[in-house]
Amino acid sequence: MQGCERKLDISIPSGIRDILYRLERNGFEAYLVGGCVRDSILGIMPDDYDIATNAFPDEIMRCIDGLEIVDKTEQSGTVTVLSGGEYADISTFRADVRCADGGKQASVKYADTLEEDLTRRDFTVNAMAYSDKTGIVDLFGGQQDLFNGKVRCIGEPAVRFEEDALRILRALRLASMLGFRIDPLTASSIHEKKQLLKDISTERVTTELTKFVMGTAPCDLMIEFDDVFCTIIPEFAKCIGFDQRSRYHVYDVWEHTAHAVQNSRAEKDIRLALLFHDIEKPTSCRIDEEGHGHFPGHEKRSAETAERIMRRLKFSGDIIKNTCELIRYHYITPVDDRRVVKHLISAMGTVMFEKLIEVMKGDSRAKQGFCLERVNTLDAMKYLSYEIIRSGECCTLSGLAINSDDLIDIGFESKEISDALSELLMMVIDEKIPNERGYLIEAARDFSQRGKKRVFEL
């Protein structure tokens, strides 16, 4: 077999090795293929394993009798198995048959050889196989591309993207995940074929976009392929090249966004919040008499736009809610102040407050160097929140020493209770009164007499 290498042995979990052994014992070829081979070469523990074999689906089922079948997809001829705590997708060697109207797979044609199976794959680093008998099977220079940190299409890139346009985003996601660059010919074809993404289902685009922003190195890719991101999210176009004219900024809005995403903690709602956090800065810009840019209310408008986009992209409700809440609060001036921290915890909860700190840190790291001083202040706010929680200080309605029943007992009507409790909580947080029942009852009576609500403003 051409392209085999025996220099590297891959560590295979016992459960996966058992599947390979079962297939081989019954006279079939069996190889680890794709991402698990790539990750193993890079020293990364695979999340799951793909196995390619010349056994047909019914033969696969006989070989793995007794193992837990998680899924069986007739269309693709793939069986998903749980063995020894590891998941494996077992597929018959195949060549894809494509429709002429956008490249979606219409059916599966089984192939006779591993070479045919590898040839149909997207990128060289994903087109390697391994077995203990053959070592690494590398027909397209995948190992060299791994060494060089390069994502490169197999064959003609334009043809690959016409077969399946989602490969455009997969290339960017893979490069972001591994910290690789895109091969020049592949990159050129990505720019040329980007409009094909408009024919891809929303769910598939959203999945790849989310994985992309969670990568280790999305920044340079966002800048180099800004046209691709504007193709899937046109609202980004106004951010490209927009000069912020601010002493706090060294980058335009899109470049700032790219640096902020990369320089933040890799959690989904944090990264997505930073992806959208300044999307309405260009529409909110006001230039003062000295020529400096200001962006009043951009955080609220950005949150509203982010919600529309994320609903269009069919993100889950929880992710939309969390992301937009982080965007709405991200522009608060960092200050190591107990009162401010307690109010934020009251408004957001402790989990979201800590995420907000990480969003604000990513934002600060993408500005002028002197803005890094804010990171220390933000860390101080986080540690202060730990102290507040440990000491049991009241930051939420549930922590108040009185409740709705107490207010009813002193004559409050049901419609008044919510406002009264909120007012009392604000007074406790501001340390106007202690969180003790007697003081709270007295303050509630005073609130009832005033008949109005005070609203805390950050």
Protein backbone atom coordinates (compact mmCIF):
# COMPACT_ATOMS: atom_id res chain seq x y z
CA MET A 1 0.00 0.00 0.00
CA GLN A 2 1.39 3.40 -0.99
CA GLY A 3 1.97 6.06 1.62
CA CYS A 4 2.39 3.74 4.63
CA GLU A 5 4.56 4.74 7.57
CA ARG A 6 5.64 2.43 10.37
CA LYS A 7 7.58 4.97 12.40
CA LEU A 8 4.76 5.89 14.75
CA ASP A 9 2.63 3.63 16.87
CA ILE A 10 -0.68 5.03 18.13
CA SER A 11 -1.97 4.23 21.59
CA ILE A 12 -5.42 2.67 21.20
CA PRO A 13 -7.85 2.25 24.13
CA SER A 14 -8.69 -1.35 24.92
CA GLY A 15 -12.36 -0.98 23.95
CA ILE A 16 -11.45 0.38 20.51
CA ARG A 17 -8.76 -2.23 20.04
CA ASP A 18 -11.37 -4.91 20.77
CA ILE A 19 -13.53 -3.65 17.87
CA LEU A 20 -10.56 -3.68 15.50
CA TYR A 21 -9.64 -7.16 16.66
CA ARG A 22 -13.19 -8.48 16.15
CA LEU A 23 -13.26 -7.22 12.56
CA GLU A 24 -9.79 -8.51 11.72
CA ARG A 25 -10.47 -11.89 13.35
CA ASN A 26 -13.38 -12.32 10.97
CA GLY A 27 -11.18 -11.65 7.95
CA PHE A 28 -11.90 -7.96 7.39
CA GLU A 29 -9.62 -4.94 7.14
CA ALA A 30 -10.07 -2.39 9.92
CA TYR A 31 -8.39 0.99 10.37
CA LEU A 32 -8.64 4.00 12.61
CA VAL A 33 -9.28 6.95 10.30
CA GLY A 34 -9.69 10.72 10.35
CA GLY A 35 -9.56 12.96 13.37
CA CYS A 36 -8.54 10.33 15.89
CA VAL A 37 -5.40 9.55 13.85
CA ARG A 38 -4.66 13.26 13.41
CA ASP A 39 -5.08 13.99 17.12
CA SER A 40 -3.06 10.96 18.18
CA ILE A 41 -0.13 12.08 16.01
CA LEU A 42 -0.36 15.52 17.64
CA GLY A 43 -0.43 13.98 21.13
CA ILE A 44 -4.07 14.97 21.71
CA MET A 45 -6.42 12.44 23.29
CA PRO A 46 -9.27 11.82 20.82
CA ASP A 47 -12.85 12.43 21.96
CA ASP A 48 -14.09 9.53 19.85
CA TYR A 49 -12.87 7.14 17.19
CA ASP A 50 -13.76 6.49 13.56
CA ILE A 51 -13.13 3.03 12.14
CA ALA A 52 -13.21 2.21 8.43
CA THR A 53 -13.56 -1.37 7.24
CA ASN A 54 -14.32 -3.38 4.12
CA ALA A 55 -17.05 -5.21 6.07
CA PHE A 56 -20.61 -4.34 5.03
CA PRO A 57 -23.05 -3.10 7.69
CA ASP A 58 -24.64 -6.51 8.30
CA GLU A 59 -21.18 -8.04 8.62
CA ILE A 60 -20.15 -5.29 11.03
CA MET A 61 -23.19 -6.08 13.17
CA ARG A 62 -22.23 -9.76 13.36
CA CYS A 63 -18.64 -8.89 14.33
CA ILE A 64 -19.64 -6.57 17.18
CA ASP A 65 -22.40 -8.79 18.55
CA GLY A 66 -22.68 -8.22 22.31
CA LEU A 67 -21.43 -4.63 22.27
CA GLU A 68 -23.76 -1.71 22.98
CA ILE A 69 -25.15 -0.23 19.75
CA VAL A 70 -25.70 3.50 20.23
CA ASP A 71 -26.90 4.30 16.71
CA LYS A 72 -27.17 2.75 13.27
CA THR A 73 -27.50 4.98 10.20
CA GLU A 74 -28.64 3.06 7.15
CA GLN A 75 -28.01 5.94 4.73
CA SER A 76 -24.32 6.26 5.55
CA GLY A 77 -23.70 2.66 6.54
CA THR A 78 -22.34 3.74 9.91
CA VAL A 79 -22.76 1.94 13.22
CA THR A 80 -21.98 3.79 16.46
CA VAL A 81 -20.77 1.52 19.26
CA LEU A 82 -19.84 2.00 22.91
CA SER A 83 -16.97 -0.30 23.84
CA GLY A 84 -14.96 -0.09 27.04
CA GLY A 85 -16.27 3.39 27.72
CA GLU A 86 -15.19 4.69 24.30
CA TYR A 87 -17.41 5.65 21.37
CA ALA A 88 -16.59 4.44 17.87
CA ASP A 89 -18.27 5.09 14.52
CA ILE A 90 -17.72 2.07 12.29
CA SER A 91 -18.23 2.63 8.57
CA THR A 92 -17.81 0.57 5.44
CA PHE A 93 -15.26 1.95 2.96
CA ARG A 94 -17.22 4.35 0.82
CA ALA A 95 -17.24 7.01 -1.86
CA ASP A 96 -19.82 9.78 -1.66
CA VAL A 97 -22.34 10.27 -4.43
CA ARG A 98 -23.33 13.92 -4.73
CA CYS A 99 -26.32 15.81 -6.10
CA ALA A 100 -25.74 18.46 -8.74
CA ASP A 101 -27.68 21.20 -6.90
CA GLY A 102 -25.43 22.21 -4.03
CA GLY A 103 -23.42 19.15 -3.25
CA LYS A 104 -25.48 17.49 -0.55
CA GLN A 105 -25.00 13.77 -0.22
CA ALA A 106 -27.76 11.84 -1.97
CA SER A 107 -26.57 8.31 -1.31
CA VAL A 108 -23.55 6.24 -0.39
CA LYS A 109 -21.53 4.10 -2.74
CA TYR A 110 -19.44 1.49 -1.01
CA ALA A 111 -15.80 1.36 -2.04
CA ASP A 112 -13.51 -1.64 -2.35
CA THR A 113 -10.36 -0.16 -0.85
CA LEU A 114 -9.11 2.08 1.90
CA GLU A 115 -7.47 4.30 -0.72
CA GLU A 116 -10.86 5.10 -2.26
CA ASP A 117 -12.29 5.89 1.16
CA LEU A 118 -9.45 8.26 2.07
CA THR A 119 -9.57 9.99 -1.31
CA ARG A 120 -13.13 11.22 -0.71
CA ARG A 121 -12.20 13.02 2.53
CA ASP A 122 -11.86 16.78 2.94
CA PHE A 123 -8.37 17.72 4.18
CA THR A 124 -5.02 15.96 4.15
CA VAL A 125 -4.73 15.96 7.94
CA ASN A 126 -8.10 14.20 8.14
CA ALA A 127 -7.27 11.61 5.48
CA MET A 128 -4.85 9.36 7.34
CA ALA A 129 -5.52 5.86 8.60
CA TYR A 130 -3.82 3.55 11.09
CA SER A 131 -3.67 -0.07 12.06
CA ASP A 132 -1.05 -1.96 13.99
CA LYS A 133 -0.36 -4.03 10.87
CA THR A 134 0.21 -1.19 8.43
CA GLY A 135 1.20 1.70 10.66
CA ILE A 136 0.06 5.11 9.42
CA VAL A 137 -1.41 5.21 5.93
CA ASP A 138 -0.81 8.71 4.57
CA LEU A 139 -1.56 9.09 0.87
CA PHE A 140 -1.76 12.89 0.66
CA GLY A 141 1.00 14.30 2.87
CA GLY A 142 -1.11 14.75 5.98
CA GLN A 143 1.78 14.18 8.37
CA GLN A 144 3.86 16.85 6.62
CA ASP A 145 0.95 19.27 6.77
CA LEU A 146 0.60 18.55 10.49
CA PHE A 147 4.29 19.28 10.93
CA ASN A 148 3.95 22.51 8.94
CA GLY A 149 0.73 23.57 10.71
CA LYS A 150 -1.31 23.69 7.52
CA VAL A 151 -4.90 22.90 6.54
CA ARG A 152 -4.98 21.82 2.88
CA CYS A 153 -7.71 20.32 0.75
CA ILE A 154 -7.25 16.96 -0.91
CA GLY A 155 -7.17 17.51 -4.65
CA GLU A 156 -8.67 20.63 -6.19
CA PRO A 157 -10.04 22.88 -3.41
CA ALA A 158 -12.81 24.40 -5.54
CA VAL A 159 -14.13 20.95 -6.37
CA ARG A 160 -14.05 19.95 -2.70
CA PHE A 161 -16.04 23.02 -1.67
CA GLU A 162 -18.52 22.55 -4.52
CA GLU A 163 -19.07 18.98 -3.28
CA ASP A 164 -19.89 20.27 0.20
CA ALA A 165 -19.70 24.00 0.96
CA LEU A 166 -19.66 23.35 4.69
CA ARG A 167 -16.03 22.32 4.19
CA ILE A 168 -15.28 26.05 3.98
CA LEU A 169 -16.25 26.47 7.63
CA ARG A 170 -14.70 23.14 8.56
CA ALA A 171 -11.37 24.35 7.22
CA LEU A 172 -11.58 27.49 9.35
CA ARG A 173 -12.75 25.53 12.39
CA LEU A 174 -9.91 23.01 12.05
CA ALA A 175 -7.33 25.78 11.68
CA SER A 176 -8.77 27.62 14.69
CA MET A 177 -8.83 24.46 16.79
CA LEU A 178 -5.25 23.46 15.97
CA GLY A 179 -3.71 26.91 15.60
CA PHE A 180 -2.91 26.18 11.93
CA ARG A 181 -2.93 28.38 8.85
CA ILE A 182 -4.87 27.71 5.66
CA ASP A 183 -2.84 26.59 2.62
CA PRO A 184 -2.78 29.45 0.04
CA LEU A 185 -4.60 27.52 -2.70
CA THR A 186 -7.24 26.36 -0.25
CA ALA A 187 -7.55 29.90 1.15
CA SER A 188 -8.00 31.38 -2.31
CA SER A 189 -10.77 28.92 -3.08
CA ILE A 190 -12.48 29.67 0.26
CA HIS A 191 -12.74 33.34 -0.73
CA GLU A 192 -13.90 32.41 -4.23
CA LYS A 193 -16.55 29.90 -3.14
CA LYS A 194 -17.86 31.55 0.04
CA GLN A 195 -21.28 32.29 -1.49
CA LEU A 196 -21.96 28.54 -1.53
CA LEU A 197 -22.43 28.79 2.23
CA LYS A 198 -25.80 30.44 1.65
CA ASP A 199 -27.15 27.07 0.55
CA ILE A 200 -26.03 25.26 3.72
CA SER A 201 -28.55 24.54 6.45
CA THR A 202 -28.57 26.95 9.38
CA GLU A 203 -27.95 24.21 11.93
CA ARG A 204 -24.77 23.02 10.21
CA VAL A 205 -23.41 26.57 9.95
CA THR A 206 -24.15 27.25 13.62
CA THR A 207 -22.38 24.08 14.74
CA GLU A 208 -19.21 24.95 12.83
CA LEU A 209 -19.29 28.62 13.88
CA THR A 210 -19.53 27.63 17.53
CA LYS A 211 -16.63 25.19 17.25
CA PHE A 212 -14.62 27.85 15.44
CA VAL A 213 -14.93 30.48 18.16
CA MET A 214 -14.01 27.85 20.76
CA GLY A 215 -10.67 27.20 19.03
CA THR A 216 -7.24 28.16 20.28
CA ALA A 217 -6.46 30.59 17.45
CA PRO A 218 -9.53 32.18 15.82
CA CYS A 219 -8.17 35.76 15.68
CA ASP A 220 -6.03 35.82 12.53
CA LEU A 221 -8.55 33.64 10.70
CA MET A 222 -11.39 36.06 11.53
CA ILE A 223 -9.34 38.90 10.07
CA GLU A 224 -8.08 37.02 6.99
CA PHE A 225 -11.50 35.56 6.17
CA ASP A 226 -13.72 38.46 7.23
CA ASP A 227 -15.62 38.07 3.94
CA VAL A 228 -16.63 34.53 4.92
CA PHE A 229 -18.03 35.67 8.27
CA CYS A 230 -19.94 38.47 6.56
CA THR A 231 -21.41 35.88 4.20
CA ILE A 232 -22.97 33.89 7.04
CA ILE A 233 -23.66 36.93 9.26
CA PRO A 234 -24.07 40.03 7.01
CA GLU A 235 -24.45 42.32 10.05
CA PHE A 236 -20.68 42.04 10.58
CA ALA A 237 -19.95 43.94 7.37
CA LYS A 238 -20.31 47.37 8.98
CA CYS A 239 -17.64 46.43 11.57
CA ILE A 240 -14.94 45.66 9.00
CA GLY A 241 -12.48 48.54 8.87
CA PHE A 242 -14.55 50.80 11.14
CA ASP A 243 -12.14 53.20 12.85
CA GLN A 244 -13.19 53.65 16.48
CA ARG A 245 -11.24 56.91 16.84
CA SER A 246 -10.75 56.18 20.52
CA ARG A 247 -7.70 56.46 22.77
CA TYR A 248 -8.65 53.09 24.23
CA HIS A 249 -8.48 51.22 20.94
CA VAL A 250 -5.69 50.16 18.58
CA TYR A 251 -7.85 48.06 16.24
CA ASP A 252 -10.94 48.65 14.14
CA VAL A 253 -14.17 47.11 15.44
CA TRP A 254 -13.79 43.75 13.65
CA GLU A 255 -10.10 43.37 14.53
CA HIS A 256 -10.90 44.24 18.13
CA THR A 257 -13.64 41.61 18.12
CA ALA A 258 -11.24 39.00 16.76
CA HIS A 259 -8.60 39.73 19.41
CA ALA A 260 -11.21 39.78 22.18
CA VAL A 261 -12.57 36.37 21.19
CA GLN A 262 -9.12 34.79 21.20
CA ASN A 263 -8.04 36.44 24.44
CA SER A 264 -10.93 35.13 26.51
CA ARG A 265 -11.77 31.96 28.36
CA ALA A 266 -12.95 29.25 25.97
CA GLU A 267 -16.55 28.90 27.14
CA LYS A 268 -19.34 28.98 24.60
CA ASP A 269 -21.41 31.89 25.93
CA ILE A 270 -18.29 33.93 26.78
CA ARG A 271 -16.81 33.55 23.30
CA LEU A 272 -20.16 34.17 21.58
CA ALA A 273 -20.76 37.27 23.70
CA LEU A 274 -17.43 38.68 22.56
CA LEU A 275 -18.15 37.76 18.95
CA PHE A 276 -21.24 40.00 19.03
CA HIS A 277 -20.44 42.45 21.83
CA ASP A 278 -19.59 45.44 19.62
CA ILE A 279 -21.61 44.63 16.52
CA GLU A 280 -23.62 47.87 16.83
CA LYS A 281 -20.70 50.15 17.64
CA PRO A 282 -20.64 51.57 14.09
CA THR A 283 -24.34 52.53 14.30
CA SER A 284 -23.89 53.99 17.80
CA CYS A 285 -20.81 56.10 17.06
CA ARG A 286 -20.84 59.77 18.00
CA ILE A 287 -17.80 61.96 17.25
CA ASP A 288 -17.10 64.76 19.74
CA GLU A 289 -15.63 68.17 18.97
CA GLU A 290 -12.10 66.84 19.40
CA GLY A 291 -12.71 64.04 16.91
CA HIS A 292 -12.95 61.21 19.45
CA GLY A 293 -15.46 58.40 19.01
CA HIS A 294 -18.05 57.58 21.67
CA PHE A 295 -20.59 54.75 21.55
CA PRO A 296 -23.51 55.46 23.91
CA GLY A 297 -25.91 52.57 24.28
CA HIS A 298 -24.03 50.27 21.94
CA GLU A 299 -24.11 47.44 24.47
CA LYS A 300 -27.92 47.40 24.54
CA ARG A 301 -28.21 47.64 20.77
CA SER A 302 -25.56 44.97 20.27
CA ALA A 303 -27.43 42.62 22.60
CA GLU A 304 -30.64 43.17 20.62
CA THR A 305 -28.89 42.50 17.31
CA ALA A 306 -27.12 39.46 18.75
CA GLU A 307 -30.46 38.04 19.85
CA ARG A 308 -31.93 38.44 16.37
CA ILE A 309 -28.91 36.83 14.73
CA MET A 310 -28.72 33.95 17.20
CA ARG A 311 -32.42 33.22 16.82
CA ARG A 312 -31.97 33.20 13.06
CA LEU A 313 -29.06 30.78 13.47
CA LYS A 314 -31.19 28.63 15.79
CA PHE A 315 -28.99 28.73 18.86
CA SER A 316 -30.61 27.30 21.98
CA GLY A 317 -32.70 29.60 24.15
CA ASP A 318 -30.35 29.32 27.12
CA ILE A 319 -27.27 30.23 25.07
CA ILE A 320 -29.09 33.21 23.56
CA LYS A 321 -30.24 34.42 26.98
CA ASN A 322 -26.80 34.11 28.59
CA THR A 323 -24.92 35.58 25.64
CA CYS A 324 -27.16 38.63 25.38
CA GLU A 325 -27.08 39.25 29.13
CA LEU A 326 -23.28 39.28 29.04
CA ILE A 327 -23.32 41.72 26.12
CA ARG A 328 -25.74 44.08 27.90
CA TYR A 329 -23.48 44.34 30.98
CA HIS A 330 -20.05 44.20 29.32
CA TYR A 331 -19.55 47.97 29.14
CA ILE A 332 -19.73 48.60 32.89
CA THR A 333 -16.64 50.39 34.15
CA PRO A 334 -14.54 47.96 36.22
CA VAL A 335 -14.36 49.11 39.82
CA ASP A 336 -13.28 47.21 42.92
CA ASP A 337 -16.33 48.28 44.89
CA ARG A 338 -18.33 45.99 47.17
CA ARG A 339 -21.61 47.71 46.43
CA VAL A 340 -21.20 47.41 42.65
CA VAL A 341 -20.20 43.75 42.90
CA LYS A 342 -23.18 42.94 45.11
CA HIS A 343 -25.57 44.69 42.75
CA LEU A 344 -24.17 42.76 39.79
CA ILE A 345 -24.49 39.47 41.66
CA SER A 346 -28.05 40.44 42.52
CA ALA A 347 -28.84 41.23 38.88
CA MET A 348 -27.03 38.29 37.25
CA GLY A 349 -26.31 35.59 39.79
CA THR A 350 -22.85 34.40 40.78
CA VAL A 351 -22.22 32.15 37.75
CA MET A 352 -23.09 34.82 35.21
CA PHE A 353 -21.19 37.45 37.16
CA GLU A 354 -17.99 35.41 36.89
CA LYS A 355 -18.60 34.92 33.16
CA LEU A 356 -19.09 38.69 32.81
CA ILE A 357 -15.70 39.25 34.41
CA GLU A 358 -14.15 36.95 31.78
CA VAL A 359 -15.94 38.77 28.96
CA MET A 360 -14.68 42.13 30.25
CA LYS A 361 -11.16 40.76 30.58
CA GLY A 362 -11.20 39.57 26.97
CA ASP A 363 -12.49 42.97 25.90
CA SER A 364 -9.74 44.79 27.83
CA ARG A 365 -6.98 42.58 26.41
CA ALA A 366 -8.01 43.61 22.90
CA LYS A 367 -7.48 47.35 23.52
CA GLN A 368 -4.52 49.64 24.06
CA GLY A 369 -1.84 48.32 26.42
CA PHE A 370 -2.78 50.59 29.30
CA CYS A 371 -6.23 48.98 29.38
CA LEU A 372 -4.62 45.80 30.73
CA GLU A 373 -4.68 47.54 34.12
CA ARG A 374 -8.41 46.81 34.09
CA VAL A 375 -7.70 43.08 34.17
CA ASN A 376 -6.28 43.42 37.68
CA THR A 377 -9.36 45.36 38.76
CA LEU A 378 -11.61 42.72 37.25
CA ASP A 379 -9.76 39.97 39.07
CA ALA A 380 -10.17 41.96 42.29
CA MET A 381 -13.92 42.15 41.62
CA LYS A 382 -14.03 38.39 41.13
CA TYR A 383 -12.18 37.70 44.38
CA LEU A 384 -14.43 40.19 46.16
CA SER A 385 -17.44 38.24 44.91
CA TYR A 386 -15.98 35.07 46.44
CA GLU A 387 -15.61 36.88 49.76
CA ILE A 388 -19.18 38.17 49.59
CA ILE A 389 -20.55 34.71 48.90
CA ARG A 390 -18.41 33.03 51.58
CA SER A 391 -19.51 35.54 54.19
CA GLY A 392 -23.17 34.98 53.33
CA GLU A 393 -23.90 38.62 52.57
CA CYS A 394 -27.36 39.19 51.18
CA CYS A 395 -27.39 39.77 47.42
CA THR A 396 -30.64 38.10 46.40
CA LEU A 397 -34.30 38.17 47.41
CA SER A 398 -33.99 34.67 48.81
CA GLY A 399 -31.37 35.97 51.23
CA LEU A 400 -33.58 38.66 52.74
CA ALA A 401 -34.59 38.17 56.36
CA ILE A 402 -38.25 38.74 55.42
CA ASN A 403 -40.47 37.36 52.69
CA SER A 404 -43.79 38.00 50.99
CA ASP A 405 -45.77 36.49 53.88
CA ASP A 406 -44.22 39.02 56.26
CA LEU A 407 -45.30 41.86 53.99
CA ILE A 408 -48.83 40.51 53.71
CA ASP A 409 -49.00 40.35 57.49
CA ILE A 410 -48.30 44.09 57.75
CA GLY A 411 -50.91 44.99 55.15
CA PHE A 412 -49.23 44.84 51.72
CA GLU A 413 -51.35 43.87 48.77
CA SER A 414 -50.06 41.20 46.38
CA LYS A 415 -49.35 43.69 43.58
CA GLU A 416 -47.10 45.73 45.89
CA ILE A 417 -44.94 42.92 47.21
CA SER A 418 -42.48 42.53 44.32
CA ASP A 419 -41.56 46.22 44.28
CA ALA A 420 -41.28 46.32 48.06
CA LEU A 421 -38.94 43.32 48.27
CA SER A 422 -36.77 44.73 45.47
CA GLU A 423 -36.56 48.07 47.27
CA LEU A 424 -35.59 46.38 50.52
CA LEU A 425 -32.92 44.28 48.80
CA MET A 426 -31.39 47.40 47.25
CA MET A 427 -31.28 49.06 50.68
CA VAL A 428 -29.59 46.03 52.23
CA ILE A 429 -27.03 45.81 49.41
CA ASP A 430 -26.32 49.53 49.76
CA GLU A 431 -25.91 48.96 53.51
CA LYS A 432 -28.64 51.49 54.29
CA ILE A 433 -30.20 49.00 56.68
CA PRO A 434 -29.02 45.69 58.14
CA ASN A 435 -30.54 42.47 56.89
CA GLU A 436 -32.57 41.94 60.06
CA ARG A 437 -36.29 41.38 60.22
CA GLY A 438 -37.12 44.27 62.52
CA TYR A 439 -35.29 46.85 60.43
CA LEU A 440 -36.75 45.42 57.23
CA ILE A 441 -40.32 45.57 58.58
CA GLU A 442 -39.82 49.21 59.57
CA ALA A 443 -38.35 50.04 56.15
CA ALA A 444 -41.21 48.22 54.42
CA ARG A 445 -43.76 50.32 56.29
CA ASP A 446 -41.89 53.44 55.21
CA PHE A 447 -41.84 52.20 51.62
CA SER A 448 -45.58 51.61 51.78
CA GLN A 449 -46.16 55.18 52.92
CA ARG A 450 -43.95 56.59 50.14
CA GLY A 451 -45.63 54.33 47.57
CA LYS A 452 -42.78 54.42 45.06
CA LYS A 453 -39.87 52.35 43.96
CA ARG A 454 -36.20 53.36 43.80
CA VAL A 455 -34.25 51.86 40.91
CA PHE A 456 -30.52 51.15 41.24
CA GLU A 457 -28.41 52.35 38.35
CA LEU A 458 -24.87 51.14 37.70
